[in-house]
Amino acid sequence: MSANTPPQSLKTLRPATRLVHGGTTRSQFGETSEALFLTQGYVYESMEAAEARFKGEAPGFLYSRFSNPTVAMFERRMALLEGSESARATGSGMAAVTAALMGQLKAGDHIVAAKALFGSCRYVVEELLPRFGVPATLVDGTDLDQWRAAMRPETKVLFLESPTNPQLEIIDIAAVAKIAHDGGAKLTVDNVFATPLLQSPFELGADCVVYSATKHIDGQGRCLGGVILASEEFIQAHIHNLLRQTGPALSPFNAWVLLKGLETLPLRVAQQMRSATALADHLAAHAGVSRVLYPSRKDHPQHELAMRQMSGGGTVIAFDLAGGKEAAFRFANALQIVKISNNLGDAKSLITHPATTTHQRLTPQMRAESGIGEGMLRLSVGLEDVEDLIDDLNAGLAAL
């Protein structure tokens, strides 16, 4: 493999190899690790060279608010992993979601989204976009008839996450993509829970995929980041200029951290998923647990669909305790290894109570409609020894 392997060569390699070598551009020093370019601006050899670069007539970087060598390496590596033509990085996952949606919509357009969304995503869809003349219709994402009924001539975007946060609903991405395309709209998928390794929305018909790179891609609780992936035509038409002019930029340092995270992503996700499978089965066997939701378990409501469009159950478990909020708090407060935090996809196992944290801004009725009860807990499984995690969960169960 040459010092700077051409992208076309990397496309023939398997994902784990792409995640170590993809997108790398080495400086004149031939460094092994990706170079970290902490710079705001760039120097031009002449005024004529600056003019040509700003006109797009000559290649090169202009300003790190919208282009930087380290950030570009992260974007190229993500595009190789996802199988997309292009990618643009952002400072957080919510910056990626907001830019992906706002870049496609204008006053008079209409968006249809699944009700089961992360709280901040629902804010963007329900409150932010309508301020700018873009009404939204929320549907039960698992009911294809509701998607069809919500379509209007002015519908331009359909938006969903699958598996959903926190109740791990599975939405038929291929079917929703067909509904979008039949109606002249495009589908944007938040793929953060599945990770790029377990689900490929583009293969299922999605037009745009977004990630919070803060989660599994970093995977070690260090930094924020986001990424938008799509065809080059889509990125140029809807995303590139919006990011350039509004500035939700990913810092070069965070891009470098995320590049390091991508190198170990397959190893981490595989181990976390093995542990999550064991923990889901362990919780399901306890009388104090009224329901366990984990996509690869046969008792998951959309198990067959999950296994058709995903290659594994993921790293997150949702479960309900019969005693409601009081039982959930007692369980979580008794844990020693699993930490209470609203993040996920981390090397450390983390637990949160969605009704009072990530989804607390929703009304009780809205939470009930989404299946988020007072006794629900979301467990993001980390890299600890699974036997230690079982012992820790047993301490929580004993507290019930």
Protein backbone atom coordinates (compact mmCIF):
# COMPACT_ATOMS: atom_id res chain seq x y z
CA MET A 1 0.00 0.00 0.00
CA SER A 2 1.53 3.32 -1.06
CA ALA A 3 2.04 6.34 1.22
CA ASN A 4 -1.20 7.87 -0.06
CA THR A 5 -3.38 5.03 -1.33
CA PRO A 6 -5.90 6.18 -3.97
CA PRO A 7 -9.54 6.12 -2.80
CA GLN A 8 -10.49 3.70 -5.58
CA SER A 9 -8.06 1.12 -4.14
CA LEU A 10 -9.59 1.41 -0.67
CA LYS A 11 -13.08 0.75 -2.00
CA THR A 12 -12.10 -2.87 -2.67
CA LEU A 13 -11.04 -3.38 0.96
CA ARG A 14 -13.20 -4.49 3.86
CA PRO A 15 -14.59 -2.01 6.43
CA ALA A 16 -12.05 -2.70 9.21
CA THR A 17 -9.16 -1.97 6.83
CA ARG A 18 -10.83 1.18 5.51
CA LEU A 19 -11.21 2.40 9.08
CA VAL A 20 -7.45 2.18 9.64
CA HIS A 21 -6.20 3.52 6.32
CA GLY A 22 -9.09 5.35 4.63
CA GLY A 23 -8.86 9.00 3.71
CA THR A 24 -5.31 9.52 4.99
CA THR A 25 -3.22 12.26 3.39
CA ARG A 26 0.38 12.41 4.61
CA SER A 27 2.48 15.54 4.75
CA GLN A 28 6.04 15.79 3.44
CA PHE A 29 7.21 14.17 6.70
CA GLY A 30 5.50 10.84 5.98
CA GLU A 31 3.93 10.51 9.44
CA THR A 32 2.29 7.22 10.48
CA SER A 33 -0.59 8.81 12.39
CA GLU A 34 -2.84 11.34 10.70
CA ALA A 35 -1.44 14.86 10.95
CA LEU A 36 -3.25 17.37 13.15
CA PHE A 37 -3.50 20.72 11.36
CA LEU A 38 -4.42 23.27 14.04
CA THR A 39 -4.79 26.29 11.82
CA GLN A 40 -7.49 28.82 11.08
CA GLY A 41 -6.31 29.98 7.68
CA TYR A 42 -3.94 29.17 4.83
CA VAL A 43 -1.18 31.04 2.99
CA TYR A 44 -1.21 31.52 -0.79
CA GLU A 45 1.86 31.84 -2.98
CA SER A 46 0.43 34.88 -4.75
CA MET A 47 -2.68 37.01 -5.05
CA GLU A 48 -3.42 35.20 -8.30
CA ALA A 49 -3.25 31.86 -6.48
CA ALA A 50 -5.66 33.12 -3.81
CA GLU A 51 -8.07 34.35 -6.48
CA ALA A 52 -7.99 31.00 -8.30
CA ARG A 53 -8.60 29.05 -5.11
CA PHE A 54 -11.57 31.21 -4.09
CA LYS A 55 -13.05 30.83 -7.56
CA GLY A 56 -12.69 27.06 -7.30
CA GLU A 57 -10.28 27.00 -10.22
CA ALA A 58 -7.41 25.63 -8.11
CA PRO A 59 -7.55 22.98 -5.35
CA GLY A 60 -6.68 23.75 -1.76
CA PHE A 61 -8.00 24.91 1.58
CA LEU A 62 -9.35 28.38 2.28
CA TYR A 63 -10.44 28.70 5.89
CA SER A 64 -10.92 26.09 8.62
CA ARG A 65 -14.52 27.12 9.25
CA PHE A 66 -15.39 25.05 6.20
CA SER A 67 -12.29 23.15 5.07
CA ASN A 68 -9.27 21.75 6.89
CA PRO A 69 -6.88 18.89 6.04
CA THR A 70 -7.55 16.90 9.23
CA VAL A 71 -11.31 17.36 8.98
CA ALA A 72 -11.16 16.36 5.31
CA MET A 73 -9.44 13.09 6.25
CA PHE A 74 -12.26 12.31 8.68
CA GLU A 75 -14.87 13.12 6.02
CA ARG A 76 -13.19 10.91 3.42
CA ARG A 77 -12.85 8.01 5.86
CA MET A 78 -16.52 8.25 6.87
CA ALA A 79 -17.60 8.35 3.22
CA LEU A 80 -15.54 5.22 2.49
CA LEU A 81 -17.07 3.43 5.46
CA GLU A 82 -20.65 4.45 4.66
CA GLY A 83 -20.35 3.89 0.93
CA SER A 84 -21.31 7.46 0.03
CA GLU A 85 -19.77 9.81 -2.50
CA SER A 86 -19.33 12.68 -0.09
CA ALA A 87 -19.44 13.75 3.56
CA ARG A 88 -19.37 16.95 5.59
CA ALA A 89 -18.38 17.05 9.25
CA THR A 90 -20.01 19.26 11.89
CA GLY A 91 -19.29 20.28 15.46
CA SER A 92 -21.95 17.97 16.97
CA GLY A 93 -24.53 15.40 16.03
CA MET A 94 -27.37 17.90 16.41
CA ALA A 95 -25.53 20.32 14.11
CA ALA A 96 -25.50 17.53 11.52
CA VAL A 97 -29.23 16.82 11.93
CA THR A 98 -30.18 20.51 11.83
CA ALA A 99 -28.04 21.29 8.79
CA ALA A 100 -29.19 18.18 6.93
CA LEU A 101 -32.86 19.12 7.38
CA MET A 102 -32.64 22.90 6.98
CA GLY A 103 -30.40 22.54 3.93
CA GLN A 104 -33.18 20.68 2.11
CA LEU A 105 -36.15 22.82 3.19
CA LYS A 106 -37.51 26.30 2.59
CA ALA A 107 -40.69 28.16 3.54
CA GLY A 108 -43.71 26.41 2.06
CA ASP A 109 -42.15 22.94 2.15
CA HIS A 110 -43.36 20.17 4.45
CA ILE A 111 -41.54 17.49 6.46
CA VAL A 112 -42.82 14.13 7.73
CA ALA A 113 -40.98 12.53 10.64
CA ALA A 114 -41.37 9.59 12.96
CA LYS A 115 -42.63 10.48 16.45
CA ALA A 116 -39.96 8.33 18.06
CA LEU A 117 -37.05 10.75 17.88
CA PHE A 118 -34.38 11.99 20.24
CA GLY A 119 -35.76 14.99 22.16
CA SER A 120 -33.57 17.58 20.41
CA CYS A 121 -34.48 16.15 17.00
CA ARG A 122 -38.17 16.54 17.85
CA TYR A 123 -37.47 20.15 18.81
CA VAL A 124 -35.94 20.86 15.40
CA VAL A 125 -38.84 19.18 13.58
CA GLU A 126 -41.74 20.38 15.75
CA GLU A 127 -40.61 23.84 16.86
CA LEU A 128 -37.65 25.17 14.88
CA LEU A 129 -38.64 24.36 11.30
CA PRO A 130 -42.23 25.67 11.65
CA ARG A 131 -40.79 29.08 12.67
CA PHE A 132 -39.38 29.30 9.16
CA GLY A 133 -42.57 28.25 7.39
CA VAL A 134 -41.95 24.51 7.24
CA PRO A 135 -44.83 22.61 8.90
CA ALA A 136 -44.21 19.10 10.21
CA THR A 137 -46.34 15.99 10.48
CA LEU A 138 -45.31 13.34 13.02
CA VAL A 139 -46.31 9.73 12.46
CA ASP A 140 -45.94 6.33 14.08
CA GLY A 141 -42.79 5.29 12.25
CA THR A 142 -43.71 1.61 12.30
CA ASP A 143 -47.04 2.25 10.51
CA LEU A 144 -46.39 2.62 6.77
CA ASP A 145 -49.96 3.72 6.15
CA GLN A 146 -49.38 6.76 8.36
CA TRP A 147 -46.30 7.71 6.31
CA ARG A 148 -48.35 7.45 3.11
CA ALA A 149 -51.29 9.44 4.53
CA ALA A 150 -48.99 12.24 5.70
CA MET A 151 -47.52 12.90 2.25
CA ARG A 152 -48.46 16.16 0.53
CA PRO A 153 -47.45 17.68 -2.81
CA GLU A 154 -45.16 20.05 -0.89
CA THR A 155 -43.51 17.27 1.19
CA LYS A 156 -39.78 17.42 0.54
CA VAL A 157 -38.19 15.44 3.40
CA LEU A 158 -38.97 12.31 5.40
CA PHE A 159 -36.88 11.87 8.55
CA LEU A 160 -36.41 8.93 10.91
CA GLU A 161 -34.00 7.18 13.22
CA SER A 162 -33.85 3.40 13.44
CA PRO A 163 -33.39 1.88 15.94
CA THR A 164 -35.10 4.72 17.77
CA ASN A 165 -33.99 6.45 20.94
CA PRO A 166 -34.64 5.12 23.55
CA GLN A 167 -37.29 2.47 22.86
CA LEU A 168 -35.38 0.74 20.03
CA GLU A 169 -38.26 0.67 17.56
CA ILE A 170 -37.25 -0.56 14.12
CA ILE A 171 -38.58 1.32 11.10
CA ASP A 172 -38.66 -0.22 7.64
CA ILE A 173 -36.16 2.07 5.93
CA ALA A 174 -36.59 0.60 2.45
CA ALA A 175 -40.38 0.95 2.58
CA VAL A 176 -40.23 4.54 3.86
CA ALA A 177 -37.63 5.41 1.19
CA LYS A 178 -40.02 4.16 -1.50
CA ILE A 179 -42.86 6.26 -0.05
CA ALA A 180 -40.57 9.30 -0.08
CA HIS A 181 -39.39 8.78 -3.63
CA ASP A 182 -42.87 8.01 -4.97
CA GLY A 183 -43.95 11.37 -3.54
CA GLY A 184 -40.99 13.32 -4.90
CA ALA A 185 -39.32 13.65 -1.50
CA LYS A 186 -36.00 12.49 -0.02
CA LEU A 187 -35.31 10.35 3.04
CA THR A 188 -32.84 11.34 5.77
CA VAL A 189 -31.88 8.66 8.30
CA ASP A 190 -30.22 9.14 11.68
CA ASN A 191 -28.20 5.91 11.91
CA VAL A 192 -26.43 6.52 15.20
CA PHE A 193 -27.78 3.55 17.19
CA ALA A 194 -27.02 1.00 14.47
CA THR A 195 -23.60 2.47 13.64
CA PRO A 196 -22.26 2.27 10.06
CA LEU A 197 -21.16 -1.30 10.78
CA LEU A 198 -24.57 -2.81 11.54
CA GLN A 199 -26.86 -1.00 9.07
CA SER A 200 -26.40 0.63 5.67
CA PRO A 201 -29.27 3.08 5.02
CA PHE A 202 -27.99 3.94 1.54
CA GLU A 203 -28.38 0.31 0.49
CA LEU A 204 -31.98 0.53 1.75
CA GLY A 205 -32.76 3.64 -0.30
CA ALA A 206 -31.90 6.59 1.97
CA ASP A 207 -30.72 9.81 0.34
CA CYS A 208 -28.91 11.28 3.34
CA VAL A 209 -27.45 9.72 6.50
CA VAL A 210 -26.45 11.58 9.65
CA TYR A 211 -24.45 10.60 12.73
CA SER A 212 -23.58 11.97 16.09
CA ALA A 213 -19.90 11.06 15.95
CA THR A 214 -19.87 11.81 19.68
CA LYS A 215 -21.29 8.33 20.20
CA HIS A 216 -19.68 5.13 18.88
CA ILE A 217 -17.36 6.85 16.40
CA ASP A 218 -15.45 8.57 19.20
CA GLY A 219 -16.68 5.93 21.60
CA GLN A 220 -14.54 6.99 24.53
CA GLY A 221 -16.29 10.07 25.91
CA ARG A 222 -13.76 12.60 24.65
CA CYS A 223 -15.28 15.00 22.17
CA LEU A 224 -18.32 16.15 20.18
CA GLY A 225 -18.76 15.71 16.46
CA GLY A 226 -21.25 15.00 13.69
CA VAL A 227 -21.26 14.06 10.03
CA ILE A 228 -23.64 14.28 7.06
CA LEU A 229 -23.24 11.75 4.23
CA ALA A 230 -24.84 11.75 0.79
CA SER A 231 -24.11 11.88 -2.92
CA GLU A 232 -21.84 14.66 -4.14
CA GLU A 233 -24.81 16.20 -5.95
CA PHE A 234 -26.87 16.22 -2.72
CA ILE A 235 -24.03 17.71 -0.67
CA GLN A 236 -23.38 20.48 -3.19
CA ALA A 237 -27.08 21.29 -3.60
CA HIS A 238 -28.15 21.25 0.04
CA ILE A 239 -25.25 21.11 2.51
CA HIS A 240 -21.94 22.57 1.37
CA ASN A 241 -22.82 26.25 1.11
CA LEU A 242 -25.03 26.18 4.23
CA LEU A 243 -22.14 24.87 6.34
CA ARG A 244 -19.69 27.25 4.70
CA GLN A 245 -21.80 30.32 5.44
CA THR A 246 -23.24 29.42 8.86
CA GLY A 247 -20.19 27.78 10.44
CA PRO A 248 -21.16 24.72 12.55
CA ALA A 249 -17.59 23.53 12.04
CA LEU A 250 -15.87 20.48 13.49
CA SER A 251 -12.57 21.45 15.12
CA PRO A 252 -9.42 19.88 13.62
CA PHE A 253 -8.49 18.45 17.02
CA ASN A 254 -11.87 16.72 17.38
CA ALA A 255 -11.56 15.42 13.82
CA TRP A 256 -8.19 13.91 14.74
CA VAL A 257 -9.70 12.27 17.85
CA LEU A 258 -12.55 10.86 15.75
CA LEU A 259 -10.09 9.45 13.20
CA LYS A 260 -8.39 7.59 16.04
CA GLY A 261 -11.80 6.35 17.22
CA LEU A 262 -12.67 4.98 13.79
CA GLU A 263 -9.60 2.73 13.85
CA THR A 264 -11.03 0.68 16.73
CA LEU A 265 -14.75 0.99 15.92
CA PRO A 266 -15.26 -2.62 14.67
CA LEU A 267 -13.53 -4.12 17.72
CA ARG A 268 -15.47 -1.98 20.17
CA VAL A 269 -18.89 -2.47 18.60
CA ALA A 270 -18.41 -6.24 18.29
CA GLN A 271 -17.47 -6.61 21.96
CA GLN A 272 -20.18 -4.24 23.17
CA MET A 273 -22.78 -6.12 21.15
CA ARG A 274 -21.71 -9.49 22.58
CA SER A 275 -22.07 -8.09 26.08
CA ALA A 276 -25.37 -6.37 25.28
CA THR A 277 -26.84 -9.67 24.07
CA ALA A 278 -25.86 -11.41 27.31
CA LEU A 279 -27.14 -8.56 29.49
CA ALA A 280 -30.47 -8.37 27.66
CA ASP A 281 -31.03 -12.07 28.26
CA HIS A 282 -30.03 -11.72 31.91
CA LEU A 283 -32.44 -8.83 32.52
CA ALA A 284 -35.29 -10.61 30.72
CA ALA A 285 -35.04 -13.52 33.16
CA HIS A 286 -35.67 -11.34 36.24
CA ALA A 287 -39.19 -11.00 37.65
CA GLY A 288 -38.75 -7.30 38.45
CA VAL A 289 -38.14 -6.47 34.78
CA SER A 290 -41.46 -6.23 32.94
CA ARG A 291 -40.03 -5.80 29.44
CA VAL A 292 -36.67 -5.91 27.66
CA LEU A 293 -36.21 -4.32 24.24
CA TYR A 294 -33.19 -5.47 22.24
CA PRO A 295 -33.48 -5.91 18.45
CA SER A 296 -31.80 -9.30 18.14
CA ARG A 297 -34.02 -10.92 20.79
CA LYS A 298 -36.88 -12.85 19.23
CA ASP A 299 -39.38 -11.16 21.56
CA HIS A 300 -38.59 -7.71 20.14
CA PRO A 301 -41.76 -6.43 18.38
CA GLN A 302 -39.89 -5.88 15.09
CA HIS A 303 -37.28 -8.62 15.44
CA GLU A 304 -37.73 -9.99 11.92
CA LEU A 305 -37.42 -6.55 10.34
CA ALA A 306 -34.44 -5.70 12.55
CA MET A 307 -32.55 -8.79 11.43
CA ARG A 308 -33.46 -8.10 7.81
CA GLN A 309 -31.95 -4.61 7.74
CA MET A 310 -29.35 -4.87 10.54
CA SER A 311 -26.48 -7.31 11.00
CA GLY A 312 -26.73 -7.28 14.81
CA GLY A 313 -28.69 -6.00 17.77
CA GLY A 314 -26.46 -3.05 18.62
CA THR A 315 -24.95 -1.82 21.86
CA VAL A 316 -28.02 -0.37 23.62
CA ILE A 317 -30.75 -2.09 25.66
CA ALA A 318 -34.03 -0.56 26.85
CA PHE A 319 -35.95 -2.16 29.68
CA ASP A 320 -38.94 -1.39 31.88
CA LEU A 321 -39.17 -1.93 35.62
CA ALA A 322 -42.59 -2.70 37.06
CA GLY A 323 -42.20 -0.17 39.88
CA GLY A 324 -42.05 2.90 37.64
CA LYS A 325 -39.81 5.89 38.31
CA GLU A 326 -39.15 4.96 41.92
CA ALA A 327 -37.92 1.50 40.94
CA ALA A 328 -35.86 2.89 38.04
CA PHE A 329 -34.11 5.39 40.30
CA ARG A 330 -33.50 2.77 43.00
CA PHE A 331 -32.03 0.38 40.43
CA ALA A 332 -29.70 2.94 38.82
CA ASN A 333 -28.56 4.42 42.14
CA ALA A 334 -27.45 0.98 43.31
CA LEU A 335 -25.06 0.48 40.39
CA GLN A 336 -21.32 0.92 40.91
CA ILE A 337 -19.71 0.06 37.57
CA VAL A 338 -22.44 1.33 35.24
CA LYS A 339 -22.45 5.12 35.44
CA ILE A 340 -25.47 7.42 35.26
CA SER A 341 -25.05 9.54 32.12
CA ASN A 342 -27.14 10.57 29.12
CA ASN A 343 -24.46 9.65 26.57
CA LEU A 344 -24.20 6.31 24.75
CA GLY A 345 -21.81 4.31 22.60
CA ASP A 346 -19.03 4.82 25.17
CA ALA A 347 -16.34 2.42 26.36
CA LYS A 348 -17.92 2.82 29.79
CA SER A 349 -21.38 1.35 30.39
CA LEU A 350 -23.89 4.15 30.93
CA ILE A 351 -27.50 4.22 32.10
CA THR A 352 -30.13 6.94 31.88
CA HIS A 353 -33.79 7.48 32.69
CA PRO A 354 -35.19 8.93 29.43
CA ALA A 355 -38.41 10.30 30.95
CA THR A 356 -36.45 12.68 33.20
CA THR A 357 -33.41 13.36 30.97
CA THR A 358 -33.22 13.00 27.18
CA HIS A 359 -37.02 13.11 26.70
CA GLN A 360 -38.07 15.17 29.70
CA ARG A 361 -39.23 18.10 27.57
CA LEU A 362 -41.94 15.94 26.01
CA THR A 363 -45.36 15.93 27.64
CA PRO A 364 -46.42 12.76 29.50
CA GLN A 365 -48.86 12.06 26.66
CA MET A 366 -46.12 12.41 24.03
CA ARG A 367 -43.83 10.09 25.99
CA ALA A 368 -46.66 7.57 26.37
CA GLU A 369 -47.33 7.69 22.62
CA SER A 370 -43.65 6.92 22.04
CA GLY A 371 -43.60 4.07 24.55
CA ILE A 372 -41.37 5.85 27.06
CA GLY A 373 -42.70 4.93 30.48
CA GLU A 374 -41.64 6.11 33.93
CA GLY A 375 -40.03 2.73 34.57
CA MET A 376 -37.93 2.68 31.37
CA LEU A 377 -34.15 2.73 31.56
CA ARG A 378 -31.71 2.91 28.63
CA LEU A 379 -28.48 0.98 29.09
CA SER A 380 -25.54 1.65 26.78
CA VAL A 381 -23.19 -1.30 27.13
CA GLY A 382 -19.46 -0.61 27.34
CA LEU A 383 -16.25 -2.61 27.24
CA GLU A 384 -16.11 -3.86 30.81
CA ASP A 385 -15.98 -7.60 31.54
CA VAL A 386 -19.50 -8.88 31.02
CA GLU A 387 -19.44 -10.88 34.26
CA ASP A 388 -18.69 -7.71 36.21
CA LEU A 389 -21.57 -5.99 34.45
CA ILE A 390 -23.91 -8.87 35.33
CA ASP A 391 -22.84 -8.60 38.97
CA ASP A 392 -23.49 -4.86 38.88
CA LEU A 393 -26.94 -5.30 37.35
CA ASN A 394 -27.68 -7.89 40.00
CA ALA A 395 -26.95 -5.26 42.65
CA GLY A 396 -29.48 -2.98 40.98
CA LEU A 397 -32.03 -5.76 40.79
CA ALA A 398 -31.47 -6.61 44.44
CA ALA A 399 -32.28 -3.00 45.33
CA LEU A 400 -35.78 -3.53 43.92
